Amino acid sequence: MASILRMMMKKKELIPLVGFVGMAGVGAVTMCIYSLVFKSDVSINKRGNPTPWENVDPRQPQKLITINQKWEPVEELDMLKKLTKQ
């Protein structure tokens, strides 16, 4: 670690590059943790809920950014869900 800092002090042009790469790494790890904690379609425990995609609320947007989303129920899917629950 000390050798990396010495090299960065000798070559000042590496400081922004290391900063941007570090910020990208932190952003990627943060997005992974966010998806694991808050997204309903991401599951770690497959034994507790083997089909997590069936519990997703279609009225709630699942994307990070949703613009003008309009949800309409599909009649065939509703009929199929009613038939499989009985």
PDB file of N, CA and C in Angstrom:
ATOM      1  N   MET A   1       0.827  -1.196   0.000  1.00  0.00           N
ATOM      2  CA  MET A   1       0.000   0.000   0.000  1.00  0.00           C
ATOM      3  C   MET A   1       0.865   1.249   0.000  1.00  0.00           C
ATOM      4  N   ALA A   2       1.935   1.209   0.771  1.00  0.00           N
ATOM      5  CA  ALA A   2       2.818   2.373   0.833  1.00  0.00           C
ATOM      6  C   ALA A   2       3.497   2.604  -0.508  1.00  0.00           C
ATOM      7  N   SER A   3       3.799   1.522  -1.233  1.00  0.00           N
ATOM      8  CA  SER A   3       4.449   1.688  -2.536  1.00  0.00           C
ATOM      9  C   SER A   3       3.492   2.335  -3.545  1.00  0.00           C
ATOM     10  N   ILE A   4       2.220   2.020  -3.434  1.00  0.00           N
ATOM     11  CA  ILE A   4       1.231   2.637  -4.329  1.00  0.00           C
ATOM     12  C   ILE A   4       1.131   4.129  -4.046  1.00  0.00           C
ATOM     13  N   LEU A   5       1.150   4.494  -2.766  1.00  0.00           N
ATOM     14  CA  LEU A   5       1.080   5.918  -2.416  1.00  0.00           C
ATOM     15  C   LEU A   5       2.328   6.657  -2.879  1.00  0.00           C
ATOM     16  N   ARG A   6       3.500   6.031  -2.747  1.00  0.00           N
ATOM     17  CA  ARG A   6       4.741   6.663  -3.220  1.00  0.00           C
ATOM     18  C   ARG A   6       4.706   6.847  -4.732  1.00  0.00           C
ATOM     19  N   MET A   7       4.196   5.851  -5.455  1.00  0.00           N
ATOM     20  CA  MET A   7       4.113   5.951  -6.903  1.00  0.00           C
ATOM     21  C   MET A   7       3.137   7.061  -7.308  1.00  0.00           C
ATOM     22  N   MET A   8       2.036   7.190  -6.569  1.00  0.00           N
ATOM     23  CA  MET A   8       1.081   8.250  -6.882  1.00  0.00           C
ATOM     24  C   MET A   8       1.651   9.620  -6.587  1.00  0.00           C
ATOM     25  N   MET A   9       2.503   9.743  -5.590  1.00  0.00           N
ATOM     26  CA  MET A   9       3.120  11.034  -5.304  1.00  0.00           C
ATOM     27  C   MET A   9       4.152  11.406  -6.371  1.00  0.00           C
ATOM     28  N   LYS A  10       4.791  10.396  -6.973  1.00  0.00           N
ATOM     29  CA  LYS A  10       5.747  10.670  -8.042  1.00  0.00           C
ATOM     30  C   LYS A  10       5.024  10.991  -9.344  1.00  0.00           C
ATOM     31  N   LYS A  11       3.953  10.293  -9.625  1.00  0.00           N
ATOM     32  CA  LYS A  11       3.199  10.495 -10.865  1.00  0.00           C
ATOM     33  C   LYS A  11       1.818  11.025 -10.511  1.00  0.00           C
ATOM     34  N   LYS A  12       1.709  12.335 -10.463  1.00  0.00           N
ATOM     35  CA  LYS A  12       0.471  12.988 -10.009  1.00  0.00           C
ATOM     36  C   LYS A  12      -0.711  12.728 -10.949  1.00  0.00           C
ATOM     37  N   GLU A  13      -0.443  12.373 -12.208  1.00  0.00           N
ATOM     38  CA  GLU A  13      -1.543  12.162 -13.148  1.00  0.00           C
ATOM     39  C   GLU A  13      -2.336  10.895 -12.834  1.00  0.00           C
ATOM     40  N   LEU A  14      -1.831  10.021 -11.973  1.00  0.00           N
ATOM     41  CA  LEU A  14      -2.560   8.813 -11.599  1.00  0.00           C
ATOM     42  C   LEU A  14      -3.628   9.064 -10.529  1.00  0.00           C
ATOM     43  N   ILE A  15      -3.550  10.165  -9.827  1.00  0.00           N
ATOM     44  CA  ILE A  15      -4.482  10.440  -8.721  1.00  0.00           C
ATOM     45  C   ILE A  15      -5.937  10.485  -9.202  1.00  0.00           C
ATOM     46  N   PRO A  16      -6.281  11.234 -10.280  1.00  0.00           N
ATOM     47  CA  PRO A  16      -7.687  11.209 -10.728  1.00  0.00           C
ATOM     48  C   PRO A  16      -8.128   9.836 -11.222  1.00  0.00           C
ATOM     49  N   LEU A  17      -7.225   9.115 -11.896  1.00  0.00           N
ATOM     50  CA  LEU A  17      -7.568   7.785 -12.393  1.00  0.00           C
ATOM     51  C   LEU A  17      -7.895   6.839 -11.236  1.00  0.00           C
ATOM     52  N   VAL A  18      -7.074   6.843 -10.202  1.00  0.00           N
ATOM     53  CA  VAL A  18      -7.331   5.993  -9.040  1.00  0.00           C
ATOM     54  C   VAL A  18      -8.614   6.428  -8.333  1.00  0.00           C
ATOM     55  N   GLY A  19      -8.872   7.721  -8.289  1.00  0.00           N
ATOM     56  CA  GLY A  19     -10.103   8.224  -7.668  1.00  0.00           C
ATOM     57  C   GLY A  19     -11.354   7.769  -8.396  1.00  0.00           C
ATOM     58  N   PHE A  20     -11.344   7.887  -9.739  1.00  0.00           N
ATOM     59  CA  PHE A  20     -12.518   7.478 -10.512  1.00  0.00           C
ATOM     60  C   PHE A  20     -12.740   5.971 -10.461  1.00  0.00           C
ATOM     61  N   VAL A  21     -11.666   5.205 -10.553  1.00  0.00           N
ATOM     62  CA  VAL A  21     -11.806   3.753 -10.484  1.00  0.00           C
ATOM     63  C   VAL A  21     -12.304   3.338  -9.096  1.00  0.00           C
ATOM     64  N   GLY A  22     -11.816   4.003  -8.052  1.00  0.00           N
ATOM     65  CA  GLY A  22     -12.286   3.712  -6.697  1.00  0.00           C
ATOM     66  C   GLY A  22     -13.751   4.051  -6.516  1.00  0.00           C
ATOM     67  N   MET A  23     -14.176   5.200  -7.062  1.00  0.00           N
ATOM     68  CA  MET A  23     -15.585   5.588  -6.956  1.00  0.00           C
ATOM     69  C   MET A  23     -16.480   4.615  -7.725  1.00  0.00           C
ATOM     70  N   ALA A  24     -16.020   4.142  -8.886  1.00  0.00           N
ATOM     71  CA  ALA A  24     -16.804   3.170  -9.652  1.00  0.00           C
ATOM     72  C   ALA A  24     -16.932   1.861  -8.886  1.00  0.00           C
ATOM     73  N   GLY A  25     -15.872   1.428  -8.242  1.00  0.00           N
ATOM     74  CA  GLY A  25     -15.929   0.198  -7.451  1.00  0.00           C
ATOM     75  C   GLY A  25     -16.873   0.326  -6.277  1.00  0.00           C
ATOM     76  N   VAL A  26     -16.822   1.453  -5.585  1.00  0.00           N
ATOM     77  CA  VAL A  26     -17.720   1.685  -4.451  1.00  0.00           C
ATOM     78  C   VAL A  26     -19.176   1.750  -4.933  1.00  0.00           C
ATOM     79  N   GLY A  27     -19.417   2.383  -6.087  1.00  0.00           N
ATOM     80  CA  GLY A  27     -20.766   2.455  -6.633  1.00  0.00           C
ATOM     81  C   GLY A  27     -21.302   1.087  -7.012  1.00  0.00           C
ATOM     82  N   ALA A  28     -20.451   0.238  -7.589  1.00  0.00           N
ATOM     83  CA  ALA A  28     -20.891  -1.105  -7.969  1.00  0.00           C
ATOM     84  C   ALA A  28     -21.242  -1.938  -6.744  1.00  0.00           C
ATOM     85  N   VAL A  29     -20.431  -1.860  -5.713  1.00  0.00           N
ATOM     86  CA  VAL A  29     -20.707  -2.614  -4.486  1.00  0.00           C
ATOM     87  C   VAL A  29     -21.976  -2.085  -3.819  1.00  0.00           C
ATOM     88  N   THR A  30     -22.154  -0.774  -3.815  1.00  0.00           N
ATOM     89  CA  THR A  30     -23.344  -0.173  -3.221  1.00  0.00           C
ATOM     90  C   THR A  30     -24.615  -0.601  -3.962  1.00  0.00           C
ATOM     91  N   MET A  31     -24.558  -0.641  -5.294  1.00  0.00           N
ATOM     92  CA  MET A  31     -25.729  -1.068  -6.068  1.00  0.00           C
ATOM     93  C   MET A  31     -26.052  -2.533  -5.821  1.00  0.00           C
ATOM     94  N   CYS A  32     -25.046  -3.371  -5.684  1.00  0.00           N
ATOM     95  CA  CYS A  32     -25.284  -4.790  -5.381  1.00  0.00           C
ATOM     96  C   CYS A  32     -25.952  -4.954  -4.022  1.00  0.00           C
ATOM     97  N   ILE A  33     -25.469  -4.236  -3.027  1.00  0.00           N
ATOM     98  CA  ILE A  33     -26.056  -4.321  -1.688  1.00  0.00           C
ATOM     99  C   ILE A  33     -27.487  -3.783  -1.703  1.00  0.00           C
ATOM    100  N   TYR A  34     -27.716  -2.682  -2.412  1.00  0.00           N
ATOM    101  CA  TYR A  34     -29.061  -2.116  -2.527  1.00  0.00           C
ATOM    102  C   TYR A  34     -30.025  -3.126  -3.157  1.00  0.00           C
ATOM    103  N   SER A  35     -29.585  -3.797  -4.224  1.00  0.00           N
ATOM    104  CA  SER A  35     -30.440  -4.779  -4.888  1.00  0.00           C
ATOM    105  C   SER A  35     -30.744  -5.958  -3.978  1.00  0.00           C
ATOM    106  N   LEU A  36     -29.763  -6.420  -3.234  1.00  0.00           N
ATOM    107  CA  LEU A  36     -29.985  -7.552  -2.337  1.00  0.00           C
ATOM    108  C   LEU A  36     -30.948  -7.214  -1.213  1.00  0.00           C
ATOM    109  N   VAL A  37     -30.899  -5.980  -0.734  1.00  0.00           N
ATOM    110  CA  VAL A  37     -31.705  -5.612   0.435  1.00  0.00           C
ATOM    111  C   VAL A  37     -33.115  -5.166   0.037  1.00  0.00           C
ATOM    112  N   PHE A  38     -33.237  -4.351  -1.012  1.00  0.00           N
ATOM    113  CA  PHE A  38     -34.519  -3.705  -1.277  1.00  0.00           C
ATOM    114  C   PHE A  38     -35.294  -4.256  -2.466  1.00  0.00           C
ATOM    115  N   LYS A  39     -34.690  -5.004  -3.346  1.00  0.00           N
ATOM    116  CA  LYS A  39     -35.406  -5.500  -4.517  1.00  0.00           C
ATOM    117  C   LYS A  39     -36.079  -6.827  -4.200  1.00  0.00           C
ATOM    118  N   SER A  40     -37.331  -6.965  -4.618  1.00  0.00           N
ATOM    119  CA  SER A  40     -38.093  -8.162  -4.270  1.00  0.00           C
ATOM    120  C   SER A  40     -37.807  -9.331  -5.210  1.00  0.00           C
ATOM    121  N   ASP A  41     -37.228  -9.069  -6.369  1.00  0.00           N
ATOM    122  CA  ASP A  41     -36.954 -10.166  -7.290  1.00  0.00           C
ATOM    123  C   ASP A  41     -35.558 -10.758  -7.109  1.00  0.00           C
ATOM    124  N   VAL A  42     -34.773 -10.233  -6.183  1.00  0.00           N
ATOM    125  CA  VAL A  42     -33.445 -10.770  -5.876  1.00  0.00           C
ATOM    126  C   VAL A  42     -33.560 -11.559  -4.582  1.00  0.00           C
ATOM    127  N   SER A  43     -33.111 -12.793  -4.603  1.00  0.00           N
ATOM    128  CA  SER A  43     -33.264 -13.660  -3.439  1.00  0.00           C
ATOM    129  C   SER A  43     -31.975 -14.416  -3.172  1.00  0.00           C
ATOM    130  N   ILE A  44     -31.581 -14.487  -1.914  1.00  0.00           N
ATOM    131  CA  ILE A  44     -30.417 -15.261  -1.507  1.00  0.00           C
ATOM    132  C   ILE A  44     -30.871 -16.600  -0.943  1.00  0.00           C
ATOM    133  N   ASN A  45     -31.947 -16.588  -0.179  1.00  0.00           N
ATOM    134  CA  ASN A  45     -32.451 -17.784   0.483  1.00  0.00           C
ATOM    135  C   ASN A  45     -33.466 -18.479  -0.423  1.00  0.00           C
ATOM    136  N   LYS A  46     -33.030 -19.475  -1.179  1.00  0.00           N
ATOM    137  CA  LYS A  46     -33.937 -20.179  -2.084  1.00  0.00           C
ATOM    138  C   LYS A  46     -34.817 -21.181  -1.344  1.00  0.00           C
ATOM    139  N   ARG A  47     -34.433 -21.624  -0.173  1.00  0.00           N
ATOM    140  CA  ARG A  47     -35.250 -22.586   0.575  1.00  0.00           C
ATOM    141  C   ARG A  47     -36.469 -21.911   1.189  1.00  0.00           C
ATOM    142  N   GLY A  48     -36.314 -20.688   1.663  1.00  0.00           N
ATOM    143  CA  GLY A  48     -37.430 -19.990   2.294  1.00  0.00           C
ATOM    144  C   GLY A  48     -38.486 -19.570   1.294  1.00  0.00           C
ATOM    145  N   ASN A  49     -38.061 -19.153   0.091  1.00  0.00           N
ATOM    146  CA  ASN A  49     -38.999 -18.723  -0.937  1.00  0.00           C
ATOM    147  C   ASN A  49     -38.406 -19.116  -2.292  1.00  0.00           C
ATOM    148  N   PRO A  50     -38.750 -20.291  -2.804  1.00  0.00           N
ATOM    149  CA  PRO A  50     -38.136 -20.745  -4.053  1.00  0.00           C
ATOM    150  C   PRO A  50     -38.599 -19.974  -5.292  1.00  0.00           C
ATOM    151  N   THR A  51     -39.722 -19.281  -5.220  1.00  0.00           N
ATOM    152  CA  THR A  51     -40.231 -18.513  -6.366  1.00  0.00           C
ATOM    153  C   THR A  51     -40.509 -17.075  -5.933  1.00  0.00           C
ATOM    154  N   PRO A  52     -39.491 -16.243  -5.751  1.00  0.00           N
ATOM    155  CA  PRO A  52     -39.728 -14.873  -5.287  1.00  0.00           C
ATOM    156  C   PRO A  52     -40.393 -13.981  -6.331  1.00  0.00           C
ATOM    157  N   TRP A  53     -40.323 -14.342  -7.607  1.00  0.00           N
ATOM    158  CA  TRP A  53     -40.908 -13.510  -8.647  1.00  0.00           C
ATOM    159  C   TRP A  53     -42.432 -13.538  -8.622  1.00  0.00           C
ATOM    160  N   GLU A  54     -43.033 -14.503  -7.931  1.00  0.00           N
ATOM    161  CA  GLU A  54     -44.495 -14.536  -7.847  1.00  0.00           C
ATOM    162  C   GLU A  54     -45.035 -13.539  -6.828  1.00  0.00           C
ATOM    163  N   ASN A  55     -44.182 -13.043  -5.938  1.00  0.00           N
ATOM    164  CA  ASN A  55     -44.615 -12.095  -4.913  1.00  0.00           C
ATOM    165  C   ASN A  55     -44.359 -10.644  -5.306  1.00  0.00           C
ATOM    166  N   VAL A  56     -43.950 -10.393  -6.532  1.00  0.00           N
ATOM    167  CA  VAL A  56     -43.649  -9.034  -6.978  1.00  0.00           C
ATOM    168  C   VAL A  56     -44.950  -8.311  -7.265  1.00  0.00           C
ATOM    169  N   ASP A  57     -45.110  -7.119  -6.704  1.00  0.00           N
ATOM    170  CA  ASP A  57     -46.300  -6.309  -6.929  1.00  0.00           C
ATOM    171  C   ASP A  57     -46.163  -5.598  -8.279  1.00  0.00           C
ATOM    172  N   PRO A  58     -47.048  -5.841  -9.235  1.00  0.00           N
ATOM    173  CA  PRO A  58     -46.899  -5.228 -10.561  1.00  0.00           C
ATOM    174  C   PRO A  58     -47.142  -3.721 -10.560  1.00  0.00           C
ATOM    175  N   ARG A  59     -47.807  -3.215  -9.547  1.00  0.00           N
ATOM    176  CA  ARG A  59     -48.049  -1.770  -9.485  1.00  0.00           C
ATOM    177  C   ARG A  59     -46.844  -1.007  -8.967  1.00  0.00           C
ATOM    178  N   GLN A  60     -45.895  -1.693  -8.349  1.00  0.00           N
ATOM    179  CA  GLN A  60     -44.700  -1.050  -7.830  1.00  0.00           C
ATOM    180  C   GLN A  60     -43.583  -1.156  -8.870  1.00  0.00           C
ATOM    181  N   PRO A  61     -42.970  -0.026  -9.244  1.00  0.00           N
ATOM    182  CA  PRO A  61     -41.916  -0.096 -10.254  1.00  0.00           C
ATOM    183  C   PRO A  61     -40.711  -0.865  -9.731  1.00  0.00           C
ATOM    184  N   GLN A  62     -40.137  -1.718 -10.574  1.00  0.00           N
ATOM    185  CA  GLN A  62     -38.998  -2.542 -10.184  1.00  0.00           C
ATOM    186  C   GLN A  62     -37.687  -2.002 -10.728  1.00  0.00           C
ATOM    187  N   LYS A  63     -37.733  -1.046 -11.617  1.00  0.00           N
ATOM    188  CA  LYS A  63     -36.522  -0.485 -12.188  1.00  0.00           C
ATOM    189  C   LYS A  63     -35.981   0.600 -11.276  1.00  0.00           C
ATOM    190  N   LEU A  64     -34.716   0.959 -11.488  1.00  0.00           N
ATOM    191  CA  LEU A  64     -34.126   2.037 -10.704  1.00  0.00           C
ATOM    192  C   LEU A  64     -34.792   3.364 -11.037  1.00  0.00           C
ATOM    193  N   ILE A  65     -35.069   3.586 -12.325  1.00  0.00           N
ATOM    194  CA  ILE A  65     -35.775   4.786 -12.777  1.00  0.00           C
ATOM    195  C   ILE A  65     -36.919   4.337 -13.686  1.00  0.00           C
ATOM    196  N   THR A  66     -38.146   4.753 -13.373  1.00  0.00           N
ATOM    197  CA  THR A  66     -39.310   4.397 -14.174  1.00  0.00           C
ATOM    198  C   THR A  66     -39.995   5.673 -14.632  1.00  0.00           C
ATOM    199  N   ILE A  67     -40.195   5.805 -15.945  1.00  0.00           N
ATOM    200  CA  ILE A  67     -40.818   7.002 -16.500  1.00  0.00           C
ATOM    201  C   ILE A  67     -42.112   6.596 -17.183  1.00  0.00           C
ATOM    202  N   ASN A  68     -43.223   7.177 -16.743  1.00  0.00           N
ATOM    203  CA  ASN A  68     -44.547   6.967 -17.342  1.00  0.00           C
ATOM    204  C   ASN A  68     -44.943   5.496 -17.417  1.00  0.00           C
ATOM    205  N   GLN A  69     -44.835   4.802 -16.316  1.00  0.00           N
ATOM    206  CA  GLN A  69     -45.242   3.401 -16.297  1.00  0.00           C
ATOM    207  C   GLN A  69     -46.738   3.319 -16.049  1.00  0.00           C
ATOM    208  N   LYS A  70     -47.420   2.572 -16.893  1.00  0.00           N
ATOM    209  CA  LYS A  70     -48.850   2.334 -16.718  1.00  0.00           C
ATOM    210  C   LYS A  70     -49.050   0.831 -16.675  1.00  0.00           C
ATOM    211  N   TRP A  71     -49.697   0.375 -15.636  1.00  0.00           N
ATOM    212  CA  TRP A  71     -49.908  -1.061 -15.465  1.00  0.00           C
ATOM    213  C   TRP A  71     -51.366  -1.381 -15.657  1.00  0.00           C
ATOM    214  N   GLU A  72     -51.614  -2.388 -16.455  1.00  0.00           N
ATOM    215  CA  GLU A  72     -52.965  -2.891 -16.652  1.00  0.00           C
ATOM    216  C   GLU A  72     -52.945  -4.390 -16.405  1.00  0.00           C
ATOM    217  N   PRO A  73     -53.912  -4.907 -15.668  1.00  0.00           N
ATOM    218  CA  PRO A  73     -53.904  -6.349 -15.401  1.00  0.00           C
ATOM    219  C   PRO A  73     -54.181  -7.160 -16.662  1.00  0.00           C
ATOM    220  N   VAL A  74     -53.552  -8.329 -16.735  1.00  0.00           N
ATOM    221  CA  VAL A  74     -53.766  -9.246 -17.850  1.00  0.00           C
ATOM    222  C   VAL A  74     -54.788 -10.281 -17.386  1.00  0.00           C
ATOM    223  N   GLU A  75     -55.887 -10.367 -18.087  1.00  0.00           N
ATOM    224  CA  GLU A  75     -56.996 -11.227 -17.665  1.00  0.00           C
ATOM    225  C   GLU A  75     -56.594 -12.698 -17.629  1.00  0.00           C
ATOM    226  N   GLU A  76     -55.806 -13.125 -18.604  1.00  0.00           N
ATOM    227  CA  GLU A  76     -55.398 -14.524 -18.662  1.00  0.00           C
ATOM    228  C   GLU A  76     -54.548 -14.908 -17.456  1.00  0.00           C
ATOM    229  N   LEU A  77     -53.674 -14.012 -17.044  1.00  0.00           N
ATOM    230  CA  LEU A  77     -52.843 -14.298 -15.870  1.00  0.00           C
ATOM    231  C   LEU A  77     -53.676 -14.361 -14.599  1.00  0.00           C
ATOM    232  N   ASP A  78     -54.658 -13.474 -14.489  1.00  0.00           N
ATOM    233  CA  ASP A  78     -55.527 -13.504 -13.311  1.00  0.00           C
ATOM    234  C   ASP A  78     -56.330 -14.797 -13.263  1.00  0.00           C
ATOM    235  N   MET A  79     -56.818 -15.244 -14.407  1.00  0.00           N
ATOM    236  CA  MET A  79     -57.575 -16.502 -14.445  1.00  0.00           C
ATOM    237  C   MET A  79     -56.664 -17.682 -14.091  1.00  0.00           C
ATOM    238  N   LEU A  80     -55.437 -17.661 -14.617  1.00  0.00           N
ATOM    239  CA  LEU A  80     -54.507 -18.744 -14.327  1.00  0.00           C
ATOM    240  C   LEU A  80     -54.134 -18.800 -12.846  1.00  0.00           C
ATOM    241  N   LYS A  81     -53.942 -17.649 -12.234  1.00  0.00           N
ATOM    242  CA  LYS A  81     -53.634 -17.603 -10.798  1.00  0.00           C
ATOM    243  C   LYS A  81     -54.807 -18.147  -9.967  1.00  0.00           C
ATOM    244  N   LYS A  82     -56.026 -17.795 -10.368  1.00  0.00           N
ATOM    245  CA  LYS A  82     -57.196 -18.296  -9.643  1.00  0.00           C
ATOM    246  C   LYS A  82     -57.332 -19.804  -9.775  1.00  0.00           C
ATOM    247  N   LEU A  83     -57.028 -20.328 -10.953  1.00  0.00           N
ATOM    248  CA  LEU A  83     -57.136 -21.770 -11.163  1.00  0.00           C
ATOM    249  C   LEU A  83     -56.060 -22.539 -10.421  1.00  0.00           C
ATOM    250  N   THR A  84     -54.870 -22.000 -10.333  1.00  0.00           N
ATOM    251  CA  THR A  84     -53.777 -22.735  -9.661  1.00  0.00           C
ATOM    252  C   THR A  84     -53.865 -22.645  -8.153  1.00  0.00           C
ATOM    253  N   LYS A  85     -54.545 -21.661  -7.614  1.00  0.00           N
ATOM    254  CA  LYS A  85     -54.673 -21.531  -6.149  1.00  0.00           C
ATOM    255  C   LYS A  85     -55.710 -22.476  -5.581  1.00  0.00           C
ATOM    256  N   GLN A  86     -56.621 -22.963  -6.372  1.00  0.00           N
ATOM    257  CA  GLN A  86     -57.689 -23.813  -5.853  1.00  0.00           C
ATOM    258  C   GLN A  86     -57.219 -25.211  -5.618  1.00  0.00           C
TER     259      GLN A  86
END
